[in-house]
N, C-alpha and C. Protein backbone atom coordinates (compact mmCIF):
# COMPACT_ATOMS: atom_id res chain seq x y z
N MET A 1 31.77 2.17 6.22
CA MET A 1 30.88 1.54 5.27
C MET A 1 31.44 1.71 3.87
N LYS A 2 31.17 0.72 3.06
CA LYS A 2 31.55 0.84 1.66
C LYS A 2 30.44 0.24 0.81
N LYS A 3 30.32 0.78 -0.38
CA LYS A 3 29.28 0.33 -1.30
C LYS A 3 29.61 -1.08 -1.78
N MET A 4 28.62 -1.93 -1.70
CA MET A 4 28.77 -3.29 -2.17
C MET A 4 28.06 -3.43 -3.51
N ASP A 5 28.65 -4.19 -4.39
CA ASP A 5 28.02 -4.44 -5.68
C ASP A 5 26.98 -5.53 -5.51
N LYS A 6 25.75 -5.21 -5.85
CA LYS A 6 24.67 -6.19 -5.78
C LYS A 6 23.85 -6.04 -7.04
N LYS A 7 23.74 -7.11 -7.79
CA LYS A 7 22.97 -7.07 -9.03
C LYS A 7 21.50 -7.27 -8.70
N ILE A 8 20.66 -6.36 -9.15
CA ILE A 8 19.21 -6.46 -8.98
C ILE A 8 18.60 -6.64 -10.36
N ASP A 9 17.85 -7.69 -10.52
CA ASP A 9 17.21 -7.98 -11.81
C ASP A 9 15.81 -7.37 -11.81
N TRP A 10 15.70 -6.13 -12.29
CA TRP A 10 14.41 -5.42 -12.28
C TRP A 10 13.48 -5.91 -13.37
N GLY A 11 13.98 -6.62 -14.34
CA GLY A 11 13.16 -7.06 -15.46
C GLY A 11 12.48 -8.39 -15.24
N THR A 12 12.20 -8.74 -14.00
CA THR A 12 11.57 -10.02 -13.70
C THR A 12 10.54 -9.85 -12.59
N ASP A 13 9.63 -10.79 -12.50
CA ASP A 13 8.67 -10.82 -11.39
C ASP A 13 9.11 -11.80 -10.32
N ASN A 14 10.26 -12.37 -10.48
CA ASN A 14 10.79 -13.34 -9.53
C ASN A 14 11.27 -12.61 -8.28
N MET A 15 10.59 -12.83 -7.15
CA MET A 15 10.93 -12.14 -5.91
C MET A 15 12.34 -12.47 -5.43
N ALA A 16 12.77 -13.70 -5.63
CA ALA A 16 14.11 -14.09 -5.20
C ALA A 16 15.16 -13.32 -5.99
N ALA A 17 14.94 -13.13 -7.29
CA ALA A 17 15.89 -12.40 -8.13
C ALA A 17 15.94 -10.93 -7.76
N LYS A 18 14.80 -10.38 -7.33
CA LYS A 18 14.74 -8.97 -6.94
C LYS A 18 15.23 -8.75 -5.52
N GLY A 19 15.34 -9.78 -4.75
CA GLY A 19 15.78 -9.63 -3.38
C GLY A 19 14.66 -9.79 -2.38
N GLY A 20 13.49 -10.23 -2.82
CA GLY A 20 12.38 -10.49 -1.91
C GLY A 20 11.35 -9.37 -1.88
N ASP A 21 10.25 -9.66 -1.24
CA ASP A 21 9.17 -8.70 -1.07
C ASP A 21 9.25 -8.21 0.38
N TYR A 22 10.14 -7.28 0.63
CA TYR A 22 10.45 -6.85 1.99
C TYR A 22 9.22 -6.40 2.77
N PHE A 23 8.37 -5.62 2.14
CA PHE A 23 7.20 -5.09 2.82
C PHE A 23 5.98 -6.00 2.70
N GLN A 24 6.13 -7.13 2.04
CA GLN A 24 5.07 -8.12 1.85
C GLN A 24 3.83 -7.50 1.22
N LEU A 25 4.05 -6.67 0.22
CA LEU A 25 2.95 -5.99 -0.45
C LEU A 25 2.20 -6.88 -1.42
N MET A 26 2.81 -7.95 -1.84
CA MET A 26 2.15 -8.82 -2.80
C MET A 26 0.90 -9.46 -2.20
N ASP A 27 0.83 -9.55 -0.88
CA ASP A 27 -0.33 -10.14 -0.21
C ASP A 27 -1.48 -9.15 -0.04
N ILE A 28 -1.22 -7.87 -0.29
CA ILE A 28 -2.23 -6.82 -0.09
C ILE A 28 -2.71 -6.34 -1.46
N PRO A 29 -4.02 -6.40 -1.72
CA PRO A 29 -4.53 -5.92 -3.02
C PRO A 29 -4.19 -4.44 -3.24
N LEU A 30 -3.94 -4.08 -4.48
CA LEU A 30 -3.60 -2.70 -4.83
C LEU A 30 -4.65 -1.72 -4.33
N TYR A 31 -5.92 -2.07 -4.46
CA TYR A 31 -7.01 -1.20 -3.99
C TYR A 31 -6.83 -0.85 -2.51
N ASP A 32 -6.45 -1.81 -1.72
CA ASP A 32 -6.23 -1.55 -0.29
C ASP A 32 -4.95 -0.77 -0.05
N ARG A 33 -3.93 -1.02 -0.88
CA ARG A 33 -2.66 -0.30 -0.72
C ARG A 33 -2.82 1.20 -0.97
N VAL A 34 -3.73 1.59 -1.85
CA VAL A 34 -3.91 3.01 -2.15
C VAL A 34 -4.93 3.67 -1.24
N GLY A 35 -5.50 2.92 -0.31
CA GLY A 35 -6.39 3.53 0.67
C GLY A 35 -7.80 3.00 0.70
N GLY A 36 -8.15 2.11 -0.21
CA GLY A 36 -9.47 1.48 -0.19
C GLY A 36 -10.61 2.44 -0.48
N ASP A 37 -11.77 2.13 0.11
CA ASP A 37 -13.00 2.90 -0.17
C ASP A 37 -12.86 4.38 0.18
N LYS A 38 -12.26 4.68 1.31
CA LYS A 38 -12.16 6.09 1.74
C LYS A 38 -11.32 6.90 0.75
N ALA A 39 -10.20 6.35 0.30
CA ALA A 39 -9.34 7.07 -0.65
C ALA A 39 -10.08 7.28 -1.97
N MET A 40 -10.80 6.27 -2.44
CA MET A 40 -11.55 6.41 -3.69
C MET A 40 -12.65 7.46 -3.56
N GLU A 41 -13.28 7.54 -2.40
CA GLU A 41 -14.31 8.56 -2.17
C GLU A 41 -13.71 9.96 -2.22
N VAL A 42 -12.57 10.14 -1.60
CA VAL A 42 -11.90 11.44 -1.59
C VAL A 42 -11.47 11.83 -3.01
N VAL A 43 -10.87 10.89 -3.73
CA VAL A 43 -10.40 11.16 -5.10
C VAL A 43 -11.58 11.51 -6.01
N THR A 44 -12.68 10.77 -5.88
CA THR A 44 -13.85 11.01 -6.71
C THR A 44 -14.45 12.38 -6.42
N ASP A 45 -14.56 12.73 -5.15
CA ASP A 45 -15.09 14.05 -4.78
C ASP A 45 -14.22 15.18 -5.33
N LEU A 46 -12.90 15.03 -5.20
CA LEU A 46 -11.99 16.06 -5.74
C LEU A 46 -12.10 16.16 -7.26
N PHE A 47 -12.22 15.02 -7.91
CA PHE A 47 -12.35 15.01 -9.37
C PHE A 47 -13.60 15.78 -9.80
N TYR A 48 -14.74 15.48 -9.17
CA TYR A 48 -15.98 16.15 -9.55
C TYR A 48 -15.94 17.64 -9.24
N GLN A 49 -15.29 18.03 -8.14
CA GLN A 49 -15.14 19.46 -7.85
C GLN A 49 -14.35 20.15 -8.95
N LYS A 50 -13.27 19.51 -9.38
CA LYS A 50 -12.45 20.10 -10.43
C LYS A 50 -13.20 20.17 -11.76
N VAL A 51 -13.95 19.13 -12.09
CA VAL A 51 -14.73 19.11 -13.33
C VAL A 51 -15.77 20.23 -13.31
N LEU A 52 -16.48 20.35 -12.21
CA LEU A 52 -17.55 21.35 -12.14
C LEU A 52 -17.02 22.78 -12.08
N ASN A 53 -15.77 22.97 -11.69
CA ASN A 53 -15.16 24.30 -11.65
C ASN A 53 -14.36 24.62 -12.91
N ASP A 54 -14.27 23.69 -13.82
CA ASP A 54 -13.51 23.89 -15.05
C ASP A 54 -14.39 24.54 -16.11
N ASP A 55 -13.91 25.63 -16.70
CA ASP A 55 -14.68 26.38 -17.69
C ASP A 55 -14.97 25.57 -18.96
N LEU A 56 -14.09 24.69 -19.35
CA LEU A 56 -14.27 23.95 -20.60
C LEU A 56 -15.27 22.81 -20.49
N VAL A 57 -15.27 22.08 -19.38
CA VAL A 57 -16.12 20.88 -19.30
C VAL A 57 -17.34 21.02 -18.41
N SER A 58 -17.38 22.02 -17.55
CA SER A 58 -18.50 22.13 -16.60
C SER A 58 -19.85 22.30 -17.31
N ARG A 59 -19.83 22.91 -18.50
CA ARG A 59 -21.09 23.14 -19.21
C ARG A 59 -21.79 21.83 -19.62
N PHE A 60 -21.01 20.76 -19.75
CA PHE A 60 -21.60 19.46 -20.10
C PHE A 60 -22.37 18.84 -18.93
N PHE A 61 -22.14 19.33 -17.73
CA PHE A 61 -22.73 18.73 -16.53
C PHE A 61 -23.77 19.64 -15.86
N ARG A 62 -24.15 20.72 -16.51
CA ARG A 62 -25.18 21.58 -15.95
C ARG A 62 -26.49 20.83 -15.86
N GLY A 63 -27.15 20.94 -14.71
CA GLY A 63 -28.44 20.30 -14.52
C GLY A 63 -28.36 18.90 -13.96
N TYR A 64 -27.16 18.39 -13.70
CA TYR A 64 -27.03 17.03 -13.15
C TYR A 64 -26.74 17.08 -11.69
């Protein structure tokens, strides 16, 4: 094997110039690509746990 020179134009949204959308991700919304509702639920729960355990900001959420 030897390295072949292939110019990739990263500064464009043109799929042909980039070499195509190999994984066909353009057809899948970003929300679904990151895991959809379940992923957002997990992230939100972790965020609130961290906020409520943080000494600086937890006092703003006492009683909620």
